[in-house]
PDB file of N, CA and C in Angstrom:
ATOM      1  N   UNK A   1      32.691 177.896 120.551  1.00  0.00           N
ATOM      2  CA  UNK A   1      32.208 178.249 119.238  1.00  0.00           C
ATOM      3  C   UNK A   1      30.827 178.871 119.396  1.00  0.00           C
ATOM      4  N   UNK A   2      30.542 179.885 118.608  1.00  0.00           N
ATOM      5  CA  UNK A   2      29.216 180.482 118.657  1.00  0.00           C
ATOM      6  C   UNK A   2      28.230 179.653 117.854  1.00  0.00           C
ATOM      7  N   UNK A   3      26.968 179.829 118.168  1.00  0.00           N
ATOM      8  CA  UNK A   3      25.930 179.129 117.423  1.00  0.00           C
ATOM      9  C   UNK A   3      25.928 179.589 115.966  1.00  0.00           C
ATOM     10  N   UNK A   4      26.143 180.867 115.728  1.00  0.00           N
ATOM     11  CA  UNK A   4      26.181 181.381 114.348  1.00  0.00           C
ATOM     12  C   UNK A   4      27.285 180.698 113.547  1.00  0.00           C
ATOM     13  N   UNK A   5      28.463 180.561 114.145  1.00  0.00           N
ATOM     14  CA  UNK A   5      29.574 179.916 113.437  1.00  0.00           C
ATOM     15  C   UNK A   5      29.259 178.447 113.192  1.00  0.00           C
ATOM     16  N   UNK A   6      28.678 177.790 114.168  1.00  0.00           N
ATOM     17  CA  UNK A   6      28.311 176.389 113.995  1.00  0.00           C
ATOM     18  C   UNK A   6      27.341 176.231 112.817  1.00  0.00           C
ATOM     19  N   UNK A   7      26.317 177.063 112.778  1.00  0.00           N
ATOM     20  CA  UNK A   7      25.335 176.965 111.698  1.00  0.00           C
ATOM     21  C   UNK A   7      25.986 177.228 110.346  1.00  0.00           C
ATOM     22  N   UNK A   8      26.859 178.212 110.288  1.00  0.00           N
ATOM     23  CA  UNK A   8      27.552 178.518 109.028  1.00  0.00           C
ATOM     24  C   UNK A   8      28.444 177.349 108.614  1.00  0.00           C
ATOM     25  N   UNK A   9      29.217 176.837 109.554  1.00  0.00           N
ATOM     26  CA  UNK A   9      30.149 175.743 109.253  1.00  0.00           C
ATOM     27  C   UNK A   9      29.433 174.472 108.787  1.00  0.00           C
ATOM     28  N   UNK A  10      28.240 174.239 109.330  1.00  0.00           N
ATOM     29  CA  UNK A  10      27.512 173.016 109.002  1.00  0.00           C
ATOM     30  C   UNK A  10      26.470 173.216 107.905  1.00  0.00           C
ATOM     31  N   UNK A  11      26.251 174.457 107.495  1.00  0.00           N
ATOM     32  CA  UNK A  11      25.277 174.737 106.446  1.00  0.00           C
ATOM     33  C   UNK A  11      23.837 174.573 106.887  1.00  0.00           C
ATOM     34  N   UNK A  12      23.603 174.595 108.173  1.00  0.00           N
ATOM     35  CA  UNK A  12      22.240 174.445 108.687  1.00  0.00           C
ATOM     36  C   UNK A  12      21.582 175.811 108.791  1.00  0.00           C
ATOM     37  N   UNK A  13      20.287 175.852 108.542  1.00  0.00           N
ATOM     38  CA  UNK A  13      19.548 177.105 108.677  1.00  0.00           C
ATOM     39  C   UNK A  13      19.103 177.288 110.126  1.00  0.00           C
ATOM     40  N   UNK A  14      18.809 178.535 110.477  1.00  0.00           N
ATOM     41  CA  UNK A  14      18.298 178.816 111.812  1.00  0.00           C
ATOM     42  C   UNK A  14      16.968 178.103 112.031  1.00  0.00           C
ATOM     43  N   UNK A  15      16.117 178.095 111.010  1.00  0.00           N
ATOM     44  CA  UNK A  15      14.798 177.457 111.125  1.00  0.00           C
ATOM     45  C   UNK A  15      14.940 175.956 111.346  1.00  0.00           C
ATOM     46  N   UNK A  16      15.810 175.328 110.572  1.00  0.00           N
ATOM     47  CA  UNK A  16      15.999 173.878 110.708  1.00  0.00           C
ATOM     48  C   UNK A  16      16.556 173.554 112.082  1.00  0.00           C
ATOM     49  N   UNK A  17      17.532 174.331 112.538  1.00  0.00           N
ATOM     50  CA  UNK A  17      18.120 174.068 113.844  1.00  0.00           C
ATOM     51  C   UNK A  17      17.085 174.238 114.947  1.00  0.00           C
ATOM     52  N   UNK A  18      16.322 175.316 114.886  1.00  0.00           N
ATOM     53  CA  UNK A  18      15.297 175.559 115.902  1.00  0.00           C
ATOM     54  C   UNK A  18      14.272 174.445 115.973  1.00  0.00           C
ATOM     55  N   UNK A  19      13.986 173.832 114.828  1.00  0.00           N
ATOM     56  CA  UNK A  19      12.987 172.760 114.795  1.00  0.00           C
ATOM     57  C   UNK A  19      13.473 171.483 115.469  1.00  0.00           C
ATOM     58  N   UNK A  20      14.783 171.361 115.689  1.00  0.00           N
ATOM     59  CA  UNK A  20      15.319 170.161 116.328  1.00  0.00           C
ATOM     60  C   UNK A  20      15.251 170.224 117.853  1.00  0.00           C
ATOM     61  N   UNK A  21      14.966 171.407 118.392  1.00  0.00           N
ATOM     62  CA  UNK A  21      14.926 171.577 119.839  1.00  0.00           C
ATOM     63  C   UNK A  21      13.558 171.179 120.373  1.00  0.00           C
ATOM     64  N   UNK A  22      13.480 170.932 121.684  1.00  0.00           N
ATOM     65  CA  UNK A  22      12.227 170.500 122.289  1.00  0.00           C
ATOM     66  C   UNK A  22      11.909 171.358 123.511  1.00  0.00           C
ATOM     67  N   UNK A  23      10.842 172.145 123.502  1.00  0.00           N
ATOM     68  CA  UNK A  23       9.965 172.346 122.358  1.00  0.00           C
ATOM     69  C   UNK A  23      10.685 173.129 121.269  1.00  0.00           C
ATOM     70  N   UNK A  24      10.232 172.956 120.024  1.00  0.00           N
ATOM     71  CA  UNK A  24      10.875 173.653 118.911  1.00  0.00           C
ATOM     72  C   UNK A  24      10.777 175.170 119.072  1.00  0.00           C
ATOM     73  N   UNK A  25      11.754 175.881 118.519  1.00  0.00           N
ATOM     74  CA  UNK A  25      11.715 177.342 118.500  1.00  0.00           C
ATOM     75  C   UNK A  25      11.744 177.811 117.053  1.00  0.00           C
ATOM     76  N   UNK A  26      11.256 179.011 116.832  1.00  0.00           N
ATOM     77  CA  UNK A  26      11.180 179.572 115.485  1.00  0.00           C
ATOM     78  C   UNK A  26      12.542 180.056 115.007  1.00  0.00           C
ATOM     79  N   UNK A  27      12.638 180.287 113.708  1.00  0.00           N
ATOM     80  CA  UNK A  27      13.845 180.895 113.136  1.00  0.00           C
ATOM     81  C   UNK A  27      14.091 182.233 113.800  1.00  0.00           C
ATOM     82  N   UNK A  28      13.011 182.988 114.045  1.00  0.00           N
ATOM     83  CA  UNK A  28      13.146 184.298 114.685  1.00  0.00           C
ATOM     84  C   UNK A  28      13.764 184.211 116.064  1.00  0.00           C
ATOM     85  N   UNK A  29      13.393 183.188 116.826  1.00  0.00           N
ATOM     86  CA  UNK A  29      13.967 183.019 118.162  1.00  0.00           C
ATOM     87  C   UNK A  29      15.453 182.697 118.078  1.00  0.00           C
ATOM     88  N   UNK A  30      15.825 181.813 117.171  1.00  0.00           N
ATOM     89  CA  UNK A  30      17.250 181.491 116.998  1.00  0.00           C
ATOM     90  C   UNK A  30      18.007 182.756 116.598  1.00  0.00           C
ATOM     91  N   UNK A  31      17.429 183.552 115.719  1.00  0.00           N
ATOM     92  CA  UNK A  31      18.055 184.811 115.315  1.00  0.00           C
ATOM     93  C   UNK A  31      18.241 185.743 116.510  1.00  0.00           C
ATOM     94  N   UNK A  32      17.221 185.840 117.362  1.00  0.00           N
ATOM     95  CA  UNK A  32      17.320 186.696 118.552  1.00  0.00           C
ATOM     96  C   UNK A  32      18.446 186.230 119.478  1.00  0.00           C
ATOM     97  N   UNK A  33      18.606 184.923 119.606  1.00  0.00           N
ATOM     98  CA  UNK A  33      19.717 184.394 120.404  1.00  0.00           C
ATOM     99  C   UNK A  33      21.048 184.806 119.795  1.00  0.00           C
ATOM    100  N   UNK A  34      21.177 184.600 118.479  1.00  0.00           N
ATOM    101  CA  UNK A  34      22.441 184.879 117.801  1.00  0.00           C
ATOM    102  C   UNK A  34      22.782 186.368 117.873  1.00  0.00           C
ATOM    103  N   UNK A  35      21.771 187.217 117.759  1.00  0.00           N
ATOM    104  CA  UNK A  35      21.986 188.661 117.830  1.00  0.00           C
ATOM    105  C   UNK A  35      22.216 189.142 119.258  1.00  0.00           C
ATOM    106  N   UNK A  36      22.018 188.263 120.245  1.00  0.00           N
ATOM    107  CA  UNK A  36      22.250 188.622 121.644  1.00  0.00           C
ATOM    108  C   UNK A  36      21.116 189.389 122.274  1.00  0.00           C
ATOM    109  N   UNK A  37      19.938 189.364 121.656  1.00  0.00           N
ATOM    110  CA  UNK A  37      18.807 190.144 122.157  1.00  0.00           C
ATOM    111  C   UNK A  37      17.989 189.413 123.209  1.00  0.00           C
ATOM    112  N   UNK A  38      18.010 188.086 123.182  1.00  0.00           N
ATOM    113  CA  UNK A  38      17.323 187.314 124.214  1.00  0.00           C
ATOM    114  C   UNK A  38      18.271 186.247 124.754  1.00  0.00           C
ATOM    115  N   UNK A  39      18.048 185.900 126.009  1.00  0.00           N
ATOM    116  CA  UNK A  39      18.885 184.889 126.644  1.00  0.00           C
ATOM    117  C   UNK A  39      18.444 183.486 126.257  1.00  0.00           C
ATOM    118  N   UNK A  40      19.391 182.610 126.235  1.00  0.00           N
ATOM    119  CA  UNK A  40      19.102 181.200 126.028  1.00  0.00           C
ATOM    120  C   UNK A  40      18.948 180.570 127.404  1.00  0.00           C
ATOM    121  N   UNK A  41      17.844 179.900 127.629  1.00  0.00           N
ATOM    122  CA  UNK A  41      17.651 179.244 128.921  1.00  0.00           C
ATOM    123  C   UNK A  41      18.653 178.106 129.072  1.00  0.00           C
ATOM    124  N   UNK A  42      18.864 177.702 130.302  1.00  0.00           N
ATOM    125  CA  UNK A  42      19.781 176.590 130.552  1.00  0.00           C
ATOM    126  C   UNK A  42      19.303 175.329 129.839  1.00  0.00           C
ATOM    127  N   UNK A  43      17.989 175.089 129.853  1.00  0.00           N
ATOM    128  CA  UNK A  43      17.455 173.896 129.186  1.00  0.00           C
ATOM    129  C   UNK A  43      17.801 173.908 127.696  1.00  0.00           C
ATOM    130  N   UNK A  44      17.633 175.051 127.046  1.00  0.00           N
ATOM    131  CA  UNK A  44      17.981 175.132 125.629  1.00  0.00           C
ATOM    132  C   UNK A  44      19.494 175.090 125.421  1.00  0.00           C
ATOM    133  N   UNK A  45      20.257 175.706 126.314  1.00  0.00           N
ATOM    134  CA  UNK A  45      21.715 175.682 126.183  1.00  0.00           C
ATOM    135  C   UNK A  45      22.236 174.243 126.234  1.00  0.00           C
ATOM    136  N   UNK A  46      21.650 173.439 127.096  1.00  0.00           N
ATOM    137  CA  UNK A  46      22.065 172.036 127.186  1.00  0.00           C
ATOM    138  C   UNK A  46      21.652 171.258 125.930  1.00  0.00           C
ATOM    139  N   UNK A  47      20.479 171.571 125.383  1.00  0.00           N
ATOM    140  CA  UNK A  47      20.059 170.931 124.134  1.00  0.00           C
ATOM    141  C   UNK A  47      20.958 171.349 122.973  1.00  0.00           C
ATOM    142  N   UNK A  48      21.324 172.630 122.944  1.00  0.00           N
ATOM    143  CA  UNK A  48      22.216 173.125 121.884  1.00  0.00           C
ATOM    144  C   UNK A  48      23.551 172.409 121.973  1.00  0.00           C
ATOM    145  N   UNK A  49      24.063 172.239 123.183  1.00  0.00           N
ATOM    146  CA  UNK A  49      25.320 171.518 123.358  1.00  0.00           C
ATOM    147  C   UNK A  49      25.199 170.094 122.805  1.00  0.00           C
ATOM    148  N   UNK A  50      24.108 169.437 123.124  1.00  0.00           N
ATOM    149  CA  UNK A  50      23.904 168.071 122.647  1.00  0.00           C
ATOM    150  C   UNK A  50      23.730 168.034 121.132  1.00  0.00           C
ATOM    151  N   UNK A  51      22.909 168.913 120.597  1.00  0.00           N
ATOM    152  CA  UNK A  51      22.626 168.942 119.155  1.00  0.00           C
ATOM    153  C   UNK A  51      23.879 169.259 118.335  1.00  0.00           C
ATOM    154  N   UNK A  52      24.807 170.027 118.925  1.00  0.00           N
ATOM    155  CA  UNK A  52      26.028 170.404 118.204  1.00  0.00           C
ATOM    156  C   UNK A  52      27.206 169.494 118.571  1.00  0.00           C
ATOM    157  N   UNK A  53      26.930 168.368 119.218  1.00  0.00           N
ATOM    158  CA  UNK A  53      27.961 167.433 119.657  1.00  0.00           C
ATOM    159  C   UNK A  53      29.055 168.126 120.479  1.00  0.00           C
ATOM    160  N   UNK A  54      28.641 169.052 121.341  1.00  0.00           N
ATOM    161  CA  UNK A  54      29.556 169.727 122.244  1.00  0.00           C
ATOM    162  C   UNK A  54      30.305 170.904 121.649  1.00  0.00           C
ATOM    163  N   UNK A  55      30.070 171.205 120.395  1.00  0.00           N
ATOM    164  CA  UNK A  55      30.810 172.312 119.761  1.00  0.00           C
ATOM    165  C   UNK A  55      30.339 173.686 120.243  1.00  0.00           C
ATOM    166  N   UNK A  56      29.100 173.772 120.744  1.00  0.00           N
ATOM    167  CA  UNK A  56      28.587 175.025 121.316  1.00  0.00           C
ATOM    168  C   UNK A  56      28.188 174.722 122.759  1.00  0.00           C
ATOM    169  N   UNK A  57      29.132 174.853 123.694  1.00  0.00           N
ATOM    170  CA  UNK A  57      28.841 174.545 125.092  1.00  0.00           C
ATOM    171  C   UNK A  57      27.956 175.631 125.730  1.00  0.00           C
ATOM    172  N   UNK A  58      27.318 175.314 126.862  1.00  0.00           N
ATOM    173  CA  UNK A  58      26.453 176.291 127.526  1.00  0.00           C
ATOM    174  C   UNK A  58      27.131 177.634 127.807  1.00  0.00           C
ATOM    175  N   UNK A  59      28.418 177.622 128.101  1.00  0.00           N
ATOM    176  CA  UNK A  59      29.125 178.872 128.368  1.00  0.00           C
ATOM    177  C   UNK A  59      29.089 179.786 127.140  1.00  0.00           C
ATOM    178  N   UNK A  60      29.238 179.206 125.965  1.00  0.00           N
ATOM    179  CA  UNK A  60      29.204 180.001 124.744  1.00  0.00           C
ATOM    180  C   UNK A  60      27.793 180.496 124.462  1.00  0.00           C
ATOM    181  N   UNK A  61      26.789 179.702 124.791  1.00  0.00           N
ATOM    182  CA  UNK A  61      25.402 180.151 124.637  1.00  0.00           C
ATOM    183  C   UNK A  61      25.122 181.335 125.555  1.00  0.00           C
ATOM    184  N   UNK A  62      25.582 181.263 126.799  1.00  0.00           N
ATOM    185  CA  UNK A  62      25.362 182.344 127.754  1.00  0.00           C
ATOM    186  C   UNK A  62      26.093 183.617 127.333  1.00  0.00           C
ATOM    187  N   UNK A  63      27.260 183.465 126.733  1.00  0.00           N
ATOM    188  CA  UNK A  63      28.069 184.624 126.342  1.00  0.00           C
ATOM    189  C   UNK A  63      27.465 185.400 125.174  1.00  0.00           C
ATOM    190  N   UNK A  64      26.508 184.816 124.455  1.00  0.00           N
ATOM    191  CA  UNK A  64      25.914 185.512 123.309  1.00  0.00           C
ATOM    192  C   UNK A  64      25.003 186.661 123.740  1.00  0.00           C
ATOM    193  N   UNK A  65      24.449 186.603 124.949  1.00  0.00           N
ATOM    194  CA  UNK A  65      23.478 187.603 125.371  1.00  0.00           C
ATOM    195  C   UNK A  65      24.143 188.950 125.628  1.00  0.00           C
ATOM    196  N   UNK A  66      23.663 189.982 124.941  1.00  0.00           N
ATOM    197  CA  UNK A  66      24.188 191.333 125.175  1.00  0.00           C
ATOM    198  C   UNK A  66      23.103 192.267 125.702  1.00  0.00           C
ATOM    199  N   UNK A  67      21.870 191.819 125.706  1.00  0.00           N
ATOM    200  CA  UNK A  67      20.765 192.612 126.242  1.00  0.00           C
ATOM    201  C   UNK A  67      19.981 193.296 125.155  1.00  0.00           C
ATOM    202  N   UNK A  68      18.849 193.899 125.557  1.00  0.00           N
ATOM    203  CA  UNK A  68      18.006 194.573 124.581  1.00  0.00           C
ATOM    204  C   UNK A  68      18.664 195.855 124.068  1.00  0.00           C
ATOM    205  N   UNK A  69      18.246 196.230 122.869  1.00  0.00           N
ATOM    206  CA  UNK A  69      18.744 197.496 122.307  1.00  0.00           C
ATOM    207  C   UNK A  69      18.270 198.645 123.181  1.00  0.00           C
ATOM    208  N   UNK A  70      19.125 199.586 123.367  1.00  0.00           N
ATOM    209  CA  UNK A  70      18.774 200.752 124.185  1.00  0.00           C
ATOM    210  C   UNK A  70      18.077 201.799 123.340  1.00  0.00           C
TER     211      UNK A  70
END
């Protein structure tokens, strides 16, 4: 499952979700992850997996990255 789908399904905002991570990240950072513009580090991918009760595994976090706009 993608992080975007998880947030939509659970009604959580990007800002609220980012604030649950350690260290916290901004809404803008969560948006950049969802848009595939920045990579999610392994540390954050593991936290996302835990925070989503396994619904967004690290593999799905890694698959979101598409690279910077050309």
